[in-house]
């Protein structure tokens, strides 16, 4: 009888240990992006996978729709809920349309954050911005000015979708700060939906309709690459410049061709890494993510949540002929 009790106790302890091990290695984080096949988000996934490996016992499910629509993301979110993930970190195609699906996730005990492109506060715990929105807006205007002779002239904006939270905020910041750049004249804003072919057509069309435009500012990696291709294909090198937010690995050719002199971006690898770190800390109960809290983000240090429920990662960095070869090998 004593032996039986000992065996039973041993089995119970083994089961308990196995359960503890399973829970420790069963943290699933859904990294939802605007669309698959986008170099920016592929780089962010590298950072997310790096964080998962560093933390241990974390599986990052990299997913998103094939096109930049809220409907596609809602389907993806519902699938992640069905899979029983522990956290969802989403870069939203629409700030409001995703809220009902994300509320459903929250009701199931899933920790929800947005990153890069935010959702409305009622749909998430916090928003991780890649940088200060004011700084991004100012950077885009500074880049436009630096491409114009004497810092004066007409420029246009090629954005992503009309509902892209982050691009709309940055464009709004650009418009607010235009008064500080008296030589700049914003002619028009067009939308390429973060699709290469549509962005190309929109850039081509705006140059035909507005022949005085000398600079296209694209606060989207897809748009800035497509517009650069238009300038190259149409023989407009030295007559029209493209700048904005781009990936060094994709924009190296544009720097060398002269389609752009410089552009900016933060490190998307760091952004994906930070989003995963934050999601993990929320699942583990190490933070509640409320305003004022400071969250351990591994090699990125502490990230503080502001009073508005938003946090910023780092300042944008400028890439040009002096450093493009170095960074184009990184992301």
C-alpha atoms as a PDB file:
ATOM      1  CA  UNK A   1       0.000   0.000   0.000  1.00  0.00           C
ATOM      2  CA  UNK A   2       2.860   2.316   0.913  1.00  0.00           C
ATOM      3  CA  UNK A   3       4.526   1.554  -2.420  1.00  0.00           C
ATOM      4  CA  UNK A   4       1.298   2.311  -4.271  1.00  0.00           C
ATOM      5  CA  UNK A   5       0.980   5.665  -2.506  1.00  0.00           C
ATOM      6  CA  UNK A   6       4.597   6.486  -3.321  1.00  0.00           C
ATOM      7  CA  UNK A   7       4.051   5.588  -6.978  1.00  0.00           C
ATOM      8  CA  UNK A   8       0.844   7.636  -7.095  1.00  0.00           C
ATOM      9  CA  UNK A   9       2.593  10.605  -5.562  1.00  0.00           C
ATOM     10  CA  UNK A  10       5.424  10.262  -8.055  1.00  0.00           C
ATOM     11  CA  UNK A  11       3.015  10.146 -10.969  1.00  0.00           C
ATOM     12  CA  UNK A  12       1.161  13.197  -9.644  1.00  0.00           C
ATOM     13  CA  UNK A  13       4.400  15.144  -9.314  1.00  0.00           C
ATOM     14  CA  UNK A  14       5.463  14.098 -12.811  1.00  0.00           C
ATOM     15  CA  UNK A  15       2.138  15.233 -14.272  1.00  0.00           C
ATOM     16  CA  UNK A  16       2.379  18.519 -12.414  1.00  0.00           C
ATOM     17  CA  UNK A  17       5.905  19.064 -13.695  1.00  0.00           C
ATOM     18  CA  UNK A  18       4.849  18.210 -17.239  1.00  0.00           C
ATOM     19  CA  UNK A  19       1.926  20.621 -17.009  1.00  0.00           C
ATOM     20  CA  UNK A  20       4.227  23.352 -15.757  1.00  0.00           C
ATOM     21  CA  UNK A  21       6.672  22.684 -18.565  1.00  0.00           C
ATOM     22  CA  UNK A  22       3.899  22.688 -21.152  1.00  0.00           C
ATOM     23  CA  UNK A  23       2.519  26.012 -19.960  1.00  0.00           C
ATOM     24  CA  UNK A  24       6.007  27.499 -19.922  1.00  0.00           C
ATOM     25  CA  UNK A  25       6.578  26.397 -23.516  1.00  0.00           C
ATOM     26  CA  UNK A  26       3.137  27.002 -24.855  1.00  0.00           C
ATOM     27  CA  UNK A  27       3.068  30.774 -25.311  1.00  0.00           C
ATOM     28  CA  UNK A  28       1.777  31.496 -28.794  1.00  0.00           C
ATOM     29  CA  UNK A  29       1.926  35.017 -30.166  1.00  0.00           C
ATOM     30  CA  UNK A  30       0.137  35.898 -33.379  1.00  0.00           C
ATOM     31  CA  UNK A  31       2.094  38.561 -35.280  1.00  0.00           C
ATOM     32  CA  UNK A  32      -0.503  39.992 -37.661  1.00  0.00           C
ATOM     33  CA  UNK A  33       0.790  42.239 -40.439  1.00  0.00           C
ATOM     34  CA  UNK A  34      -0.944  44.436 -42.986  1.00  0.00           C
ATOM     35  CA  UNK A  35      -0.153  42.008 -45.779  1.00  0.00           C
ATOM     36  CA  UNK A  36       2.227  39.164 -46.508  1.00  0.00           C
ATOM     37  CA  UNK A  37       5.029  39.574 -49.043  1.00  0.00           C
ATOM     38  CA  UNK A  38       6.001  43.023 -47.721  1.00  0.00           C
ATOM     39  CA  UNK A  39       9.741  43.403 -47.045  1.00  0.00           C
ATOM     40  CA  UNK A  40       9.177  45.661 -44.037  1.00  0.00           C
ATOM     41  CA  UNK A  41       7.042  43.069 -42.281  1.00  0.00           C
ATOM     42  CA  UNK A  42       9.315  40.211 -43.298  1.00  0.00           C
ATOM     43  CA  UNK A  43      12.101  42.079 -41.516  1.00  0.00           C
ATOM     44  CA  UNK A  44       9.865  42.653 -38.490  1.00  0.00           C
ATOM     45  CA  UNK A  45       9.232  38.924 -38.383  1.00  0.00           C
ATOM     46  CA  UNK A  46      12.976  38.309 -38.190  1.00  0.00           C
ATOM     47  CA  UNK A  47      13.034  40.405 -35.040  1.00  0.00           C
ATOM     48  CA  UNK A  48       9.990  38.617 -33.641  1.00  0.00           C
ATOM     49  CA  UNK A  49      11.599  35.228 -34.202  1.00  0.00           C
ATOM     50  CA  UNK A  50      14.802  36.517 -32.587  1.00  0.00           C
ATOM     51  CA  UNK A  51      12.845  37.545 -29.482  1.00  0.00           C
ATOM     52  CA  UNK A  52      11.032  34.200 -29.375  1.00  0.00           C
ATOM     53  CA  UNK A  53      14.319  32.314 -29.466  1.00  0.00           C
ATOM     54  CA  UNK A  54      15.829  34.558 -26.818  1.00  0.00           C
ATOM     55  CA  UNK A  55      12.851  34.226 -24.477  1.00  0.00           C
ATOM     56  CA  UNK A  56      12.478  30.477 -24.989  1.00  0.00           C
ATOM     57  CA  UNK A  57       9.217  28.562 -25.097  1.00  0.00           C
ATOM     58  CA  UNK A  58       7.573  31.076 -27.420  1.00  0.00           C
ATOM     59  CA  UNK A  59       6.047  30.402 -30.814  1.00  0.00           C
ATOM     60  CA  UNK A  60       5.473  33.395 -33.067  1.00  0.00           C
ATOM     61  CA  UNK A  61       2.813  32.804 -35.705  1.00  0.00           C
ATOM     62  CA  UNK A  62       3.637  35.229 -38.525  1.00  0.00           C
ATOM     63  CA  UNK A  63       0.469  35.836 -40.487  1.00  0.00           C
ATOM     64  CA  UNK A  64      -1.632  38.344 -42.388  1.00  0.00           C
ATOM     65  CA  UNK A  65      -3.876  38.733 -45.423  1.00  0.00           C
ATOM     66  CA  UNK A  66      -2.619  38.677 -49.003  1.00  0.00           C
ATOM     67  CA  UNK A  67      -3.960  42.199 -49.595  1.00  0.00           C
ATOM     68  CA  UNK A  68      -4.127  45.264 -47.356  1.00  0.00           C
ATOM     69  CA  UNK A  69      -7.742  45.005 -46.199  1.00  0.00           C
ATOM     70  CA  UNK A  70      -9.419  45.071 -42.798  1.00  0.00           C
ATOM     71  CA  UNK A  71     -11.645  42.184 -43.881  1.00  0.00           C
ATOM     72  CA  UNK A  72      -8.604  40.011 -44.520  1.00  0.00           C
ATOM     73  CA  UNK A  73      -7.141  40.850 -41.125  1.00  0.00           C
ATOM     74  CA  UNK A  74     -10.419  40.085 -39.361  1.00  0.00           C
ATOM     75  CA  UNK A  75     -10.366  36.591 -40.871  1.00  0.00           C
ATOM     76  CA  UNK A  76      -6.791  36.132 -39.683  1.00  0.00           C
ATOM     77  CA  UNK A  77      -7.644  37.336 -36.164  1.00  0.00           C
ATOM     78  CA  UNK A  78     -10.622  34.995 -35.911  1.00  0.00           C
ATOM     79  CA  UNK A  79      -8.376  32.131 -36.989  1.00  0.00           C
ATOM     80  CA  UNK A  80      -5.849  32.988 -34.277  1.00  0.00           C
ATOM     81  CA  UNK A  81      -8.625  33.082 -31.691  1.00  0.00           C
ATOM     82  CA  UNK A  82      -9.713  29.617 -32.803  1.00  0.00           C
ATOM     83  CA  UNK A  83      -6.110  28.420 -32.456  1.00  0.00           C
ATOM     84  CA  UNK A  84      -6.058  29.590 -28.853  1.00  0.00           C
ATOM     85  CA  UNK A  85      -3.093  31.948 -29.081  1.00  0.00           C
ATOM     86  CA  UNK A  86      -2.005  33.756 -25.933  1.00  0.00           C
ATOM     87  CA  UNK A  87      -1.383  37.145 -27.536  1.00  0.00           C
ATOM     88  CA  UNK A  88      -2.063  39.020 -30.745  1.00  0.00           C
ATOM     89  CA  UNK A  89       0.173  41.847 -31.957  1.00  0.00           C
ATOM     90  CA  UNK A  90      -1.346  43.535 -34.994  1.00  0.00           C
ATOM     91  CA  UNK A  91      -0.312  46.232 -37.458  1.00  0.00           C
ATOM     92  CA  UNK A  92      -3.759  47.390 -38.492  1.00  0.00           C
ATOM     93  CA  UNK A  93      -5.174  48.166 -41.918  1.00  0.00           C
ATOM     94  CA  UNK A  94      -8.034  50.038 -40.254  1.00  0.00           C
ATOM     95  CA  UNK A  95      -8.107  51.520 -36.724  1.00  0.00           C
ATOM     96  CA  UNK A  96     -11.782  50.844 -36.074  1.00  0.00           C
ATOM     97  CA  UNK A  97     -12.885  47.887 -38.204  1.00  0.00           C
ATOM     98  CA  UNK A  98     -10.691  45.422 -36.290  1.00  0.00           C
ATOM     99  CA  UNK A  99     -11.986  46.417 -32.844  1.00  0.00           C
ATOM    100  CA  UNK A 100     -14.919  43.943 -32.575  1.00  0.00           C
ATOM    101  CA  UNK A 101     -12.697  40.978 -33.481  1.00  0.00           C
ATOM    102  CA  UNK A 102      -9.982  42.133 -31.084  1.00  0.00           C
ATOM    103  CA  UNK A 103     -12.522  42.633 -28.296  1.00  0.00           C
ATOM    104  CA  UNK A 104     -13.599  39.052 -28.874  1.00  0.00           C
ATOM    105  CA  UNK A 105      -9.979  37.992 -28.488  1.00  0.00           C
ATOM    106  CA  UNK A 106      -9.679  39.935 -25.242  1.00  0.00           C
ATOM    107  CA  UNK A 107     -12.823  38.258 -23.893  1.00  0.00           C
ATOM    108  CA  UNK A 108     -11.128  34.912 -24.541  1.00  0.00           C
ATOM    109  CA  UNK A 109      -8.193  35.976 -22.366  1.00  0.00           C
ATOM    110  CA  UNK A 110      -5.883  36.880 -25.248  1.00  0.00           C
ATOM    111  CA  UNK A 111      -3.555  39.827 -24.697  1.00  0.00           C
ATOM    112  CA  UNK A 112      -3.898  42.286 -27.578  1.00  0.00           C
ATOM    113  CA  UNK A 113      -1.512  45.031 -28.632  1.00  0.00           C
ATOM    114  CA  UNK A 114      -1.081  46.959 -31.844  1.00  0.00           C
ATOM    115  CA  UNK A 115       2.254  47.981 -33.303  1.00  0.00           C
ATOM    116  CA  UNK A 116       3.397  50.038 -36.280  1.00  0.00           C
ATOM    117  CA  UNK A 117      -0.156  50.910 -37.375  1.00  0.00           C
ATOM    118  CA  UNK A 118      -2.485  51.193 -34.399  1.00  0.00           C
ATOM    119  CA  UNK A 119      -6.045  50.251 -33.601  1.00  0.00           C
ATOM    120  CA  UNK A 120      -8.466  52.317 -31.525  1.00  0.00           C
ATOM    121  CA  UNK A 121      -7.724  52.198 -27.765  1.00  0.00           C
ATOM    122  CA  UNK A 122     -10.812  50.102 -27.009  1.00  0.00           C
ATOM    123  CA  UNK A 123      -9.404  47.315 -29.168  1.00  0.00           C
ATOM    124  CA  UNK A 124      -6.002  46.874 -27.520  1.00  0.00           C
ATOM    125  CA  UNK A 125      -3.945  47.239 -24.356  1.00  0.00           C
ATOM    126  CA  UNK A 126      -1.334  49.524 -25.881  1.00  0.00           C
ATOM    127  CA  UNK A 127       0.091  50.744 -29.186  1.00  0.00           C
ATOM    128  CA  UNK A 128       3.801  50.491 -29.994  1.00  0.00           C
ATOM    129  CA  UNK A 129       4.788  53.239 -32.409  1.00  0.00           C
ATOM    130  CA  UNK A 130       8.057  52.805 -34.318  1.00  0.00           C
ATOM    131  CA  UNK A 131       8.975  56.376 -33.385  1.00  0.00           C
ATOM    132  CA  UNK A 132       7.424  59.650 -32.300  1.00  0.00           C
ATOM    133  CA  UNK A 133       4.718  60.547 -34.827  1.00  0.00           C
ATOM    134  CA  UNK A 134       5.744  64.215 -34.651  1.00  0.00           C
ATOM    135  CA  UNK A 135       9.351  63.323 -35.451  1.00  0.00           C
ATOM    136  CA  UNK A 136       8.314  61.149 -38.399  1.00  0.00           C
ATOM    137  CA  UNK A 137       6.215  63.956 -39.854  1.00  0.00           C
ATOM    138  CA  UNK A 138       9.058  66.444 -39.433  1.00  0.00           C
ATOM    139  CA  UNK A 139      11.565  63.986 -40.899  1.00  0.00           C
ATOM    140  CA  UNK A 140       9.469  63.513 -44.056  1.00  0.00           C
ATOM    141  CA  UNK A 141       9.240  67.291 -44.573  1.00  0.00           C
ATOM    142  CA  UNK A 142      12.959  67.710 -43.933  1.00  0.00           C
ATOM    143  CA  UNK A 143      13.739  65.035 -46.516  1.00  0.00           C
ATOM    144  CA  UNK A 144      11.477  66.770 -49.058  1.00  0.00           C
ATOM    145  CA  UNK A 145      13.151  70.114 -48.390  1.00  0.00           C
ATOM    146  CA  UNK A 146      16.634  68.651 -48.713  1.00  0.00           C
ATOM    147  CA  UNK A 147      15.789  67.284 -52.180  1.00  0.00           C
ATOM    148  CA  UNK A 148      14.565  70.645 -53.498  1.00  0.00           C
ATOM    149  CA  UNK A 149      16.839  73.354 -54.848  1.00  0.00           C
ATOM    150  CA  UNK A 150      16.929  76.077 -52.230  1.00  0.00           C
ATOM    151  CA  UNK A 151      14.551  74.028 -50.115  1.00  0.00           C
ATOM    152  CA  UNK A 152      11.580  75.347 -52.077  1.00  0.00           C
ATOM    153  CA  UNK A 153       9.101  73.799 -54.513  1.00  0.00           C
ATOM    154  CA  UNK A 154       6.158  71.482 -55.076  1.00  0.00           C
ATOM    155  CA  UNK A 155       5.958  67.993 -53.608  1.00  0.00           C
ATOM    156  CA  UNK A 156       3.349  65.260 -53.472  1.00  0.00           C
ATOM    157  CA  UNK A 157       2.658  62.364 -51.122  1.00  0.00           C
ATOM    158  CA  UNK A 158       2.234  58.736 -52.177  1.00  0.00           C
ATOM    159  CA  UNK A 159       0.714  56.863 -49.245  1.00  0.00           C
ATOM    160  CA  UNK A 160      -0.571  53.356 -48.512  1.00  0.00           C
ATOM    161  CA  UNK A 161      -4.333  52.905 -48.031  1.00  0.00           C
ATOM    162  CA  UNK A 162      -6.810  55.615 -47.103  1.00  0.00           C
ATOM    163  CA  UNK A 163      -7.443  53.854 -43.777  1.00  0.00           C
ATOM    164  CA  UNK A 164      -3.823  53.101 -42.786  1.00  0.00           C
ATOM    165  CA  UNK A 165      -3.576  54.420 -39.235  1.00  0.00           C
ATOM    166  CA  UNK A 166       0.127  55.193 -39.161  1.00  0.00           C
ATOM    167  CA  UNK A 167       0.436  56.795 -42.597  1.00  0.00           C
ATOM    168  CA  UNK A 168      -2.617  58.975 -41.937  1.00  0.00           C
ATOM    169  CA  UNK A 169      -1.154  60.171 -38.633  1.00  0.00           C
ATOM    170  CA  UNK A 170       2.210  60.938 -40.263  1.00  0.00           C
ATOM    171  CA  UNK A 171       0.563  62.814 -43.142  1.00  0.00           C
ATOM    172  CA  UNK A 172      -1.494  64.790 -40.624  1.00  0.00           C
ATOM    173  CA  UNK A 173       1.724  65.669 -38.789  1.00  0.00           C
ATOM    174  CA  UNK A 174       3.306  66.765 -42.056  1.00  0.00           C
ATOM    175  CA  UNK A 175       0.387  69.080 -42.779  1.00  0.00           C
ATOM    176  CA  UNK A 176       0.472  70.519 -39.248  1.00  0.00           C
ATOM    177  CA  UNK A 177       4.195  71.244 -39.513  1.00  0.00           C
ATOM    178  CA  UNK A 178       4.174  72.669 -43.043  1.00  0.00           C
ATOM    179  CA  UNK A 179       4.088  76.144 -41.519  1.00  0.00           C
ATOM    180  CA  UNK A 180       7.633  75.515 -40.324  1.00  0.00           C
ATOM    181  CA  UNK A 181       8.719  74.786 -43.911  1.00  0.00           C
ATOM    182  CA  UNK A 182       7.582  77.923 -45.802  1.00  0.00           C
ATOM    183  CA  UNK A 183       9.264  76.867 -49.045  1.00  0.00           C
ATOM    184  CA  UNK A 184       7.324  73.616 -49.386  1.00  0.00           C
ATOM    185  CA  UNK A 185       4.040  73.363 -51.272  1.00  0.00           C
ATOM    186  CA  UNK A 186       2.038  70.121 -50.913  1.00  0.00           C
ATOM    187  CA  UNK A 187       0.189  69.612 -54.207  1.00  0.00           C
ATOM    188  CA  UNK A 188      -1.670  66.330 -53.714  1.00  0.00           C
ATOM    189  CA  UNK A 189      -1.826  63.023 -51.870  1.00  0.00           C
ATOM    190  CA  UNK A 190      -2.473  59.745 -53.684  1.00  0.00           C
ATOM    191  CA  UNK A 191      -2.859  56.184 -52.400  1.00  0.00           C
ATOM    192  CA  UNK A 192      -1.237  53.025 -53.747  1.00  0.00           C
ATOM    193  CA  UNK A 193      -2.773  50.659 -51.170  1.00  0.00           C
ATOM    194  CA  UNK A 194       0.708  49.329 -50.352  1.00  0.00           C
ATOM    195  CA  UNK A 195       0.596  47.358 -53.604  1.00  0.00           C
ATOM    196  CA  UNK A 196       3.607  47.683 -55.879  1.00  0.00           C
ATOM    197  CA  UNK A 197       1.715  47.868 -59.173  1.00  0.00           C
ATOM    198  CA  UNK A 198      -0.920  50.323 -57.958  1.00  0.00           C
ATOM    199  CA  UNK A 199       1.700  52.493 -56.240  1.00  0.00           C
ATOM    200  CA  UNK A 200       3.655  52.591 -59.516  1.00  0.00           C
ATOM    201  CA  UNK A 201       0.557  53.688 -61.454  1.00  0.00           C
ATOM    202  CA  UNK A 202      -0.365  56.325 -58.882  1.00  0.00           C
ATOM    203  CA  UNK A 203       3.140  57.790 -58.897  1.00  0.00           C
ATOM    204  CA  UNK A 204       3.179  57.816 -62.693  1.00  0.00           C
ATOM    205  CA  UNK A 205      -0.245  59.455 -62.803  1.00  0.00           C
ATOM    206  CA  UNK A 206       0.514  62.187 -60.297  1.00  0.00           C
ATOM    207  CA  UNK A 207       3.642  63.205 -62.224  1.00  0.00           C
ATOM    208  CA  UNK A 208       1.628  63.451 -65.441  1.00  0.00           C
ATOM    209  CA  UNK A 209      -1.100  65.504 -63.748  1.00  0.00           C
ATOM    210  CA  UNK A 210       1.316  67.684 -61.800  1.00  0.00           C
ATOM    211  CA  UNK A 211       4.417  68.360 -63.942  1.00  0.00           C
ATOM    212  CA  UNK A 212       5.731  70.903 -61.415  1.00  0.00           C
ATOM    213  CA  UNK A 213       6.131  68.268 -58.700  1.00  0.00           C
ATOM    214  CA  UNK A 214       9.831  67.799 -58.030  1.00  0.00           C
ATOM    215  CA  UNK A 215       9.672  65.447 -55.041  1.00  0.00           C
ATOM    216  CA  UNK A 216       7.452  62.499 -54.138  1.00  0.00           C
ATOM    217  CA  UNK A 217       7.384  61.715 -50.427  1.00  0.00           C
ATOM    218  CA  UNK A 218       6.207  58.167 -49.705  1.00  0.00           C
ATOM    219  CA  UNK A 219       5.777  57.284 -46.000  1.00  0.00           C
ATOM    220  CA  UNK A 220       5.558  53.609 -46.974  1.00  0.00           C
ATOM    221  CA  UNK A 221       8.290  51.182 -48.024  1.00  0.00           C
ATOM    222  CA  UNK A 222       6.200  49.849 -50.904  1.00  0.00           C
ATOM    223  CA  UNK A 223       5.395  53.314 -52.218  1.00  0.00           C
ATOM    224  CA  UNK A 224       8.889  54.768 -51.994  1.00  0.00           C
ATOM    225  CA  UNK A 225      10.315  51.835 -53.958  1.00  0.00           C
ATOM    226  CA  UNK A 226       7.581  51.976 -56.620  1.00  0.00           C
ATOM    227  CA  UNK A 227       7.932  55.737 -57.080  1.00  0.00           C
ATOM    228  CA  UNK A 228      11.706  55.400 -57.414  1.00  0.00           C
ATOM    229  CA  UNK A 229      11.156  52.857 -60.167  1.00  0.00           C
ATOM    230  CA  UNK A 230       8.881  55.308 -62.014  1.00  0.00           C
ATOM    231  CA  UNK A 231      11.560  58.032 -61.875  1.00  0.00           C
ATOM    232  CA  UNK A 232      14.139  55.587 -63.215  1.00  0.00           C
ATOM    233  CA  UNK A 233      11.890  54.142 -65.945  1.00  0.00           C
ATOM    234  CA  UNK A 234      10.708  57.538 -67.204  1.00  0.00           C
ATOM    235  CA  UNK A 235      14.184  59.045 -67.414  1.00  0.00           C
ATOM    236  CA  UNK A 236      13.477  61.608 -64.699  1.00  0.00           C
ATOM    237  CA  UNK A 237      16.690  61.151 -62.730  1.00  0.00           C
ATOM    238  CA  UNK A 238      17.843  64.578 -61.545  1.00  0.00           C
ATOM    239  CA  UNK A 239      14.496  66.162 -62.447  1.00  0.00           C
ATOM    240  CA  UNK A 240      12.259  64.424 -59.899  1.00  0.00           C
ATOM    241  CA  UNK A 241      13.353  62.883 -56.621  1.00  0.00           C
ATOM    242  CA  UNK A 242      11.725  60.337 -54.349  1.00  0.00           C
ATOM    243  CA  UNK A 243      12.139  60.121 -50.588  1.00  0.00           C
ATOM    244  CA  UNK A 244      10.276  58.993 -47.494  1.00  0.00           C
ATOM    245  CA  UNK A 245      10.410  55.760 -45.511  1.00  0.00           C
ATOM    246  CA  UNK A 246      12.214  52.837 -47.134  1.00  0.00           C
ATOM    247  CA  UNK A 247      14.250  49.721 -46.490  1.00  0.00           C
ATOM    248  CA  UNK A 248      18.007  49.977 -47.193  1.00  0.00           C
ATOM    249  CA  UNK A 249      18.016  46.552 -48.872  1.00  0.00           C
ATOM    250  CA  UNK A 250      15.313  47.693 -51.302  1.00  0.00           C
ATOM    251  CA  UNK A 251      16.411  51.302 -51.798  1.00  0.00           C
ATOM    252  CA  UNK A 252      20.137  50.786 -52.395  1.00  0.00           C
ATOM    253  CA  UNK A 253      19.543  50.806 -56.159  1.00  0.00           C
ATOM    254  CA  UNK A 254      17.576  54.067 -55.965  1.00  0.00           C
ATOM    255  CA  UNK A 255      20.419  55.733 -54.057  1.00  0.00           C
ATOM    256  CA  UNK A 256      22.929  54.592 -56.653  1.00  0.00           C
ATOM    257  CA  UNK A 257      20.744  55.560 -59.631  1.00  0.00           C
ATOM    258  CA  UNK A 258      20.083  59.018 -58.216  1.00  0.00           C
ATOM    259  CA  UNK A 259      16.312  58.549 -57.913  1.00  0.00           C
ATOM    260  CA  UNK A 260      16.756  59.504 -54.255  1.00  0.00           C
ATOM    261  CA  UNK A 261      19.514  61.225 -52.321  1.00  0.00           C
ATOM    262  CA  UNK A 262      18.393  59.987 -48.935  1.00  0.00           C
ATOM    263  CA  UNK A 263      15.474  58.420 -47.085  1.00  0.00           C
ATOM    264  CA  UNK A 264      14.699  57.354 -43.538  1.00  0.00           C
ATOM    265  CA  UNK A 265      13.352  54.430 -41.544  1.00  0.00           C
ATOM    266  CA  UNK A 266      13.676  52.840 -38.126  1.00  0.00           C
ATOM    267  CA  UNK A 267      14.839  49.262 -37.813  1.00  0.00           C
ATOM    268  CA  UNK A 268      11.847  46.971 -38.522  1.00  0.00           C
ATOM    269  CA  UNK A 269      13.763  44.064 -36.990  1.00  0.00           C
ATOM    270  CA  UNK A 270      13.853  45.975 -33.692  1.00  0.00           C
ATOM    271  CA  UNK A 271      10.160  46.797 -34.040  1.00  0.00           C
ATOM    272  CA  UNK A 272       9.111  43.158 -34.435  1.00  0.00           C
ATOM    273  CA  UNK A 273      11.464  42.202 -31.616  1.00  0.00           C
ATOM    274  CA  UNK A 274       9.983  44.833 -29.279  1.00  0.00           C
ATOM    275  CA  UNK A 275       6.370  43.933 -30.095  1.00  0.00           C
ATOM    276  CA  UNK A 276       7.061  40.288 -29.283  1.00  0.00           C
ATOM    277  CA  UNK A 277       8.835  41.168 -26.043  1.00  0.00           C
ATOM    278  CA  UNK A 278       5.903  43.322 -24.931  1.00  0.00           C
ATOM    279  CA  UNK A 279       3.311  40.673 -25.837  1.00  0.00           C
ATOM    280  CA  UNK A 280       5.292  38.070 -23.898  1.00  0.00           C
ATOM    281  CA  UNK A 281       5.559  40.257 -20.769  1.00  0.00           C
ATOM    282  CA  UNK A 282       1.796  40.826 -20.859  1.00  0.00           C
ATOM    283  CA  UNK A 283       1.071  37.104 -21.116  1.00  0.00           C
ATOM    284  CA  UNK A 284       3.470  36.352 -18.261  1.00  0.00           C
ATOM    285  CA  UNK A 285       1.813  38.969 -16.075  1.00  0.00           C
ATOM    286  CA  UNK A 286       5.029  40.965 -15.706  1.00  0.00           C
ATOM    287  CA  UNK A 287       3.191  44.139 -16.744  1.00  0.00           C
ATOM    288  CA  UNK A 288      -0.353  45.331 -17.312  1.00  0.00           C
ATOM    289  CA  UNK A 289       0.727  47.730 -20.051  1.00  0.00           C
ATOM    290  CA  UNK A 290      -1.162  50.628 -18.505  1.00  0.00           C
ATOM    291  CA  UNK A 291      -0.029  54.247 -18.974  1.00  0.00           C
ATOM    292  CA  UNK A 292       3.090  54.971 -16.970  1.00  0.00           C
ATOM    293  CA  UNK A 293       4.313  51.402 -16.938  1.00  0.00           C
ATOM    294  CA  UNK A 294       7.807  50.506 -18.116  1.00  0.00           C
ATOM    295  CA  UNK A 295       8.125  47.221 -19.976  1.00  0.00           C
ATOM    296  CA  UNK A 296      11.248  45.116 -20.277  1.00  0.00           C
ATOM    297  CA  UNK A 297      11.987  44.751 -23.987  1.00  0.00           C
ATOM    298  CA  UNK A 298      15.165  42.709 -23.862  1.00  0.00           C
ATOM    299  CA  UNK A 299      18.061  44.258 -25.787  1.00  0.00           C
ATOM    300  CA  UNK A 300      15.883  47.310 -26.522  1.00  0.00           C
ATOM    301  CA  UNK A 301      15.822  48.188 -22.831  1.00  0.00           C
ATOM    302  CA  UNK A 302      12.763  49.584 -21.063  1.00  0.00           C
ATOM    303  CA  UNK A 303       9.886  50.897 -23.150  1.00  0.00           C
ATOM    304  CA  UNK A 304       7.599  53.334 -21.349  1.00  0.00           C
ATOM    305  CA  UNK A 305       3.883  53.575 -22.059  1.00  0.00           C
ATOM    306  CA  UNK A 306       2.684  57.168 -22.297  1.00  0.00           C
ATOM    307  CA  UNK A 307      -0.462  58.707 -20.876  1.00  0.00           C
ATOM    308  CA  UNK A 308      -2.254  58.055 -24.163  1.00  0.00           C
ATOM    309  CA  UNK A 309      -1.599  54.310 -23.973  1.00  0.00           C
ATOM    310  CA  UNK A 310       1.077  54.523 -26.654  1.00  0.00           C
ATOM    311  CA  UNK A 311       4.807  53.849 -26.584  1.00  0.00           C
ATOM    312  CA  UNK A 312       7.558  54.850 -29.026  1.00  0.00           C
ATOM    313  CA  UNK A 313      10.548  52.709 -29.931  1.00  0.00           C
ATOM    314  CA  UNK A 314      13.262  54.907 -31.488  1.00  0.00           C
ATOM    315  CA  UNK A 315      13.942  57.931 -33.690  1.00  0.00           C
ATOM    316  CA  UNK A 316      14.024  57.469 -37.484  1.00  0.00           C
ATOM    317  CA  UNK A 317      17.478  57.176 -39.054  1.00  0.00           C
ATOM    318  CA  UNK A 318      18.614  58.680 -42.370  1.00  0.00           C
ATOM    319  CA  UNK A 319      20.213  56.508 -45.062  1.00  0.00           C
ATOM    320  CA  UNK A 320      22.228  57.893 -47.973  1.00  0.00           C
ATOM    321  CA  UNK A 321      25.243  57.115 -50.149  1.00  0.00           C
ATOM    322  CA  UNK A 322      27.570  57.269 -47.140  1.00  0.00           C
ATOM    323  CA  UNK A 323      25.959  54.334 -45.306  1.00  0.00           C
ATOM    324  CA  UNK A 324      23.634  52.484 -47.689  1.00  0.00           C
ATOM    325  CA  UNK A 325      26.082  49.667 -48.446  1.00  0.00           C
ATOM    326  CA  UNK A 326      26.518  48.956 -44.751  1.00  0.00           C
ATOM    327  CA  UNK A 327      22.835  48.820 -43.877  1.00  0.00           C
ATOM    328  CA  UNK A 328      21.506  47.241 -47.074  1.00  0.00           C
ATOM    329  CA  UNK A 329      23.063  43.971 -45.870  1.00  0.00           C
ATOM    330  CA  UNK A 330      21.092  44.127 -42.598  1.00  0.00           C
ATOM    331  CA  UNK A 331      17.460  44.784 -43.610  1.00  0.00           C
END
